[in-house]
C-alpha atoms as a PDB file:
ATOM      1  CA  MET A   1       0.000   0.000   0.000  1.00  0.00           C
ATOM      2  CA  PRO A   2       1.482   3.373  -0.949  1.00  0.00           C
ATOM      3  CA  GLN A   3       2.007   6.087   1.605  1.00  0.00           C
ATOM      4  CA  LYS A   4      -0.614   8.808   1.615  1.00  0.00           C
ATOM      5  CA  GLY A   5       0.020  10.893  -1.475  1.00  0.00           C
ATOM      6  CA  GLY A   6       2.220   8.209  -3.054  1.00  0.00           C
ATOM      7  CA  ILE A   7       1.680   6.388  -6.336  1.00  0.00           C
ATOM      8  CA  ARG A   8       0.076   2.953  -6.641  1.00  0.00           C
ATOM      9  CA  ALA A   9       1.195   1.286  -9.882  1.00  0.00           C
ATOM     10  CA  THR A  10      -1.349  -1.307 -11.050  1.00  0.00           C
ATOM     11  CA  ALA A  11      -1.625  -3.862 -13.837  1.00  0.00           C
ATOM     12  CA  LEU A  12      -4.700  -4.612 -15.897  1.00  0.00           C
ATOM     13  CA  VAL A  13      -4.178  -8.185 -17.103  1.00  0.00           C
ATOM     14  CA  VAL A  14      -6.842  -9.684 -19.363  1.00  0.00           C
ATOM     15  CA  LYS A  15      -6.892 -13.201 -20.838  1.00  0.00           C
ATOM     16  CA  ASP A  16      -9.804 -15.074 -22.395  1.00  0.00           C
ATOM     17  CA  GLU A  17     -12.424 -12.493 -21.305  1.00  0.00           C
ATOM     18  CA  LYS A  18     -11.193 -12.651 -17.683  1.00  0.00           C
ATOM     19  CA  ILE A  19      -9.345 -10.079 -15.610  1.00  0.00           C
ATOM     20  CA  LEU A  20      -6.742 -10.910 -12.977  1.00  0.00           C
ATOM     21  CA  MET A  21      -7.789  -9.483  -9.612  1.00  0.00           C
ATOM     22  CA  MET A  22      -6.487  -9.683  -6.064  1.00  0.00           C
ATOM     23  CA  HIS A  23      -9.397 -10.749  -3.820  1.00  0.00           C
ATOM     24  CA  ARG A  24      -8.841  -9.197  -0.403  1.00  0.00           C
ATOM     25  CA  LEU A  25     -10.331 -10.255   2.904  1.00  0.00           C
ATOM     26  CA  ARG A  26      -9.125  -7.768   5.487  1.00  0.00           C
ATOM     27  CA  ASP A  27     -10.469  -7.311   8.989  1.00  0.00           C
ATOM     28  CA  GLY A  28     -13.955  -8.402   7.948  1.00  0.00           C
ATOM     29  CA  GLU A  29     -13.976  -6.394   4.705  1.00  0.00           C
ATOM     30  CA  GLU A  30     -14.068  -8.090   1.307  1.00  0.00           C
ATOM     31  CA  TYR A  31     -13.005  -6.294  -1.858  1.00  0.00           C
ATOM     32  CA  TYR A  32     -10.981  -6.632  -5.065  1.00  0.00           C
ATOM     33  CA  VAL A  33      -8.018  -4.647  -6.377  1.00  0.00           C
ATOM     34  CA  LEU A  34      -5.883  -4.815  -9.467  1.00  0.00           C
ATOM     35  CA  PRO A  35      -2.454  -6.347  -8.852  1.00  0.00           C
ATOM     36  CA  GLY A  36      -0.011  -3.615  -7.961  1.00  0.00           C
ATOM     37  CA  GLY A  37       1.364  -1.525  -5.192  1.00  0.00           C
ATOM     38  CA  ALA A  38       3.586   1.311  -4.106  1.00  0.00           C
ATOM     39  CA  MET A  39       6.593   2.507  -6.007  1.00  0.00           C
ATOM     40  CA  GLU A  40       9.936   2.139  -4.279  1.00  0.00           C
ATOM     41  CA  GLU A  41      12.133   5.189  -3.774  1.00  0.00           C
ATOM     42  CA  GLY A  42      13.665   6.287  -7.071  1.00  0.00           C
ATOM     43  CA  GLU A  43      11.720   3.658  -9.045  1.00  0.00           C
ATOM     44  CA  GLU A  44      10.025   4.476 -12.346  1.00  0.00           C
ATOM     45  CA  VAL A  45       6.281   3.765 -12.442  1.00  0.00           C
ATOM     46  CA  LYS A  46       6.551   1.286 -15.344  1.00  0.00           C
ATOM     47  CA  LYS A  47       9.238  -0.693 -13.519  1.00  0.00           C
ATOM     48  CA  ALA A  48       7.115  -0.615 -10.363  1.00  0.00           C
ATOM     49  CA  VAL A  49       4.047  -2.099 -12.065  1.00  0.00           C
ATOM     50  CA  LEU A  50       6.082  -4.983 -13.521  1.00  0.00           C
ATOM     51  CA  ARG A  51       7.877  -5.599 -10.185  1.00  0.00           C
ATOM     52  CA  GLU A  52       4.606  -5.587  -8.261  1.00  0.00           C
ATOM     53  CA  LEU A  53       2.981  -7.890 -10.825  1.00  0.00           C
ATOM     54  CA  LYS A  54       5.866 -10.358 -10.452  1.00  0.00           C
ATOM     55  CA  GLU A  55       5.764 -10.173  -6.621  1.00  0.00           C
ATOM     56  CA  GLU A  56       2.004 -10.584  -6.356  1.00  0.00           C
ATOM     57  CA  THR A  57       1.294 -13.006  -9.205  1.00  0.00           C
ATOM     58  CA  ASN A  58       4.644 -14.592 -10.138  1.00  0.00           C
ATOM     59  CA  LEU A  59       3.892 -13.512 -13.729  1.00  0.00           C
ATOM     60  CA  GLY A  60       6.265 -11.603 -15.928  1.00  0.00           C
ATOM     61  CA  GLY A  61       4.757  -9.183 -18.363  1.00  0.00           C
ATOM     62  CA  VAL A  62       5.155  -6.476 -20.960  1.00  0.00           C
ATOM     63  CA  ILE A  63       3.440  -3.110 -20.690  1.00  0.00           C
ATOM     64  CA  ILE A  64       1.152  -2.545 -23.655  1.00  0.00           C
ATOM     65  CA  GLU A  65      -0.455   0.777 -22.769  1.00  0.00           C
ATOM     66  CA  ASP A  66      -0.732   3.447 -20.075  1.00  0.00           C
ATOM     67  CA  LEU A  67      -4.511   3.422 -19.482  1.00  0.00           C
ATOM     68  CA  ALA A  68      -5.405   5.629 -16.539  1.00  0.00           C
ATOM     69  CA  ASP A  69      -4.048   8.094 -14.015  1.00  0.00           C
ATOM     70  CA  PHE A  70      -6.209   9.406 -11.176  1.00  0.00           C
ATOM     71  CA  SER A  71      -5.990  10.509  -7.564  1.00  0.00           C
ATOM     72  CA  ASP A  72      -8.215  10.150  -4.546  1.00  0.00           C
ATOM     73  CA  ASP A  73      -7.894  11.276  -0.928  1.00  0.00           C
ATOM     74  CA  PHE A  74      -5.311   8.578  -0.280  1.00  0.00           C
ATOM     75  CA  CYS A  75      -3.008   8.200  -3.272  1.00  0.00           C
ATOM     76  CA  ARG A  76      -2.473   8.507  -7.004  1.00  0.00           C
ATOM     77  CA  THR A  77      -3.262   5.370  -9.040  1.00  0.00           C
ATOM     78  CA  ARG A  78      -1.735   4.512 -12.412  1.00  0.00           C
ATOM     79  CA  ILE A  79      -3.222   1.644 -14.442  1.00  0.00           C
ATOM     80  CA  PHE A  80      -1.235  -0.067 -17.183  1.00  0.00           C
ATOM     81  CA  GLU A  81      -2.414  -2.758 -19.570  1.00  0.00           C
ATOM     82  CA  VAL A  82       0.060  -5.618 -19.207  1.00  0.00           C
ATOM     83  CA  GLU A  83       0.343  -8.690 -21.399  1.00  0.00           C
ATOM     84  CA  VAL A  84       1.515 -11.878 -19.663  1.00  0.00           C
ATOM     85  CA  GLU A  85       2.806 -15.123 -21.147  1.00  0.00           C
ATOM     86  CA  ASN A  86       0.565 -17.492 -19.184  1.00  0.00           C
ATOM     87  CA  THR A  87      -2.279 -17.536 -16.676  1.00  0.00           C
ATOM     88  CA  ASP A  88      -0.620 -19.568 -13.915  1.00  0.00           C
ATOM     89  CA  ALA A  89      -0.819 -16.760 -11.346  1.00  0.00           C
ATOM     90  CA  LYS A  90       0.174 -17.392  -7.738  1.00  0.00           C
ATOM     91  CA  ILE A  91       1.433 -15.207  -4.933  1.00  0.00           C
ATOM     92  CA  ARG A  92       5.183 -15.567  -4.477  1.00  0.00           C
ATOM     93  CA  GLU A  93       6.141 -16.938  -1.070  1.00  0.00           C
ATOM     94  CA  ASP A  94       8.724 -14.171  -0.619  1.00  0.00           C
ATOM     95  CA  SER A  95       6.219 -11.391  -1.358  1.00  0.00           C
ATOM     96  CA  PRO A  96       4.953  -9.012   1.342  1.00  0.00           C
ATOM     97  CA  GLU A  97       1.383 -10.179   0.616  1.00  0.00           C
ATOM     98  CA  TYR A  98       2.221 -13.825   1.279  1.00  0.00           C
ATOM     99  CA  ILE A  99       4.196 -12.985   4.432  1.00  0.00           C
ATOM    100  CA  LYS A 100       1.446 -10.711   5.873  1.00  0.00           C
ATOM    101  CA  GLN A 101      -1.348 -13.277   5.466  1.00  0.00           C
ATOM    102  CA  ASN A 102      -3.251 -14.463   8.511  1.00  0.00           C
ATOM    103  CA  LYS A 103      -6.882 -15.306   9.298  1.00  0.00           C
ATOM    104  CA  ASN A 104      -7.832 -11.588   9.232  1.00  0.00           C
ATOM    105  CA  ASN A 105      -5.721 -10.613   6.224  1.00  0.00           C
ATOM    106  CA  GLN A 106      -6.021 -12.739   3.076  1.00  0.00           C
ATOM    107  CA  PHE A 107      -4.731 -12.220  -0.472  1.00  0.00           C
ATOM    108  CA  ASN A 108      -6.177 -14.491  -3.172  1.00  0.00           C
ATOM    109  CA  LEU A 109      -5.620 -14.171  -6.903  1.00  0.00           C
ATOM    110  CA  GLU A 110      -8.661 -14.788  -9.097  1.00  0.00           C
ATOM    111  CA  TRP A 111      -9.334 -14.686 -12.823  1.00  0.00           C
ATOM    112  CA  VAL A 112     -12.727 -12.947 -12.815  1.00  0.00           C
ATOM    113  CA  PRO A 113     -14.958 -13.015 -15.895  1.00  0.00           C
ATOM    114  CA  ILE A 114     -15.258  -9.429 -17.118  1.00  0.00           C
ATOM    115  CA  LYS A 115     -19.069  -9.599 -17.054  1.00  0.00           C
ATOM    116  CA  GLU A 116     -18.955 -10.416 -13.309  1.00  0.00           C
ATOM    117  CA  LEU A 117     -17.079  -7.233 -12.380  1.00  0.00           C
ATOM    118  CA  ILE A 118     -20.426  -5.505 -11.793  1.00  0.00           C
ATOM    119  CA  PHE A 119     -21.030  -7.784  -8.792  1.00  0.00           C
ATOM    120  CA  LEU A 120     -17.725  -7.014  -7.046  1.00  0.00           C
ATOM    121  CA  THR A 121     -16.624  -4.386  -4.588  1.00  0.00           C
ATOM    122  CA  ILE A 122     -13.567  -2.924  -6.303  1.00  0.00           C
ATOM    123  CA  TRP A 123     -11.169  -0.533  -4.597  1.00  0.00           C
ATOM    124  CA  PRO A 124     -10.539   2.295  -5.176  1.00  0.00           C
ATOM    125  CA  MET A 125     -13.866   3.486  -6.549  1.00  0.00           C
ATOM    126  CA  GLN A 126     -12.130   5.247  -9.456  1.00  0.00           C
ATOM    127  CA  THR A 127     -10.669   1.881 -10.543  1.00  0.00           C
ATOM    128  CA  ARG A 128     -14.163   0.394 -10.519  1.00  0.00           C
ATOM    129  CA  GLU A 129     -15.469   3.316 -12.586  1.00  0.00           C
ATOM    130  CA  PHE A 130     -12.545   3.012 -14.996  1.00  0.00           C
ATOM    131  CA  LEU A 131     -13.104  -0.748 -15.471  1.00  0.00           C
ATOM    132  CA  PHE A 132     -16.831  -0.248 -16.096  1.00  0.00           C
ATOM    133  CA  LYS A 133     -16.099   2.350 -18.804  1.00  0.00           C
ATOM    134  CA  TYR A 134     -13.169   0.414 -20.282  1.00  0.00           C
ATOM    135  CA  PHE A 135     -15.190  -2.790 -20.637  1.00  0.00           C
ATOM    136  CA  LYS A 136     -18.463  -0.939 -21.393  1.00  0.00           C
ATOM    137  CA  LEU A 137     -20.286  -2.517 -18.448  1.00  0.00           C
ATOM    138  CA  ALA A 138     -22.448   0.419 -17.461  1.00  0.00           C
END
């Protein structure tokens, strides 16, 4: 999670009409986010999105397009379309997400059919709005 005012670099990964999402269960809350996270000091945003994707999904990728850039009260979010070689996504055991897991803090990768996005709580709200427009869901 980026510091307040920081940048969250995120990856939009789509394969076979499904989108790769991180399903979060945190202190009784349930929501979905795009894979990604905070930039490290001195890191370029494009390098950050590919590093975060590798940490969180164990997938390497290539950035196809810079899709969105928006801010909310917490941070600035950048969304990049990323093409991956395969769909065998799993959280790396050396990643912060894997290490921080416990019964009140779960990270689960899911390939969600695009048409089912309308049923999910997606954070932040601007990401949800972007995905709805991008996939013409609303």
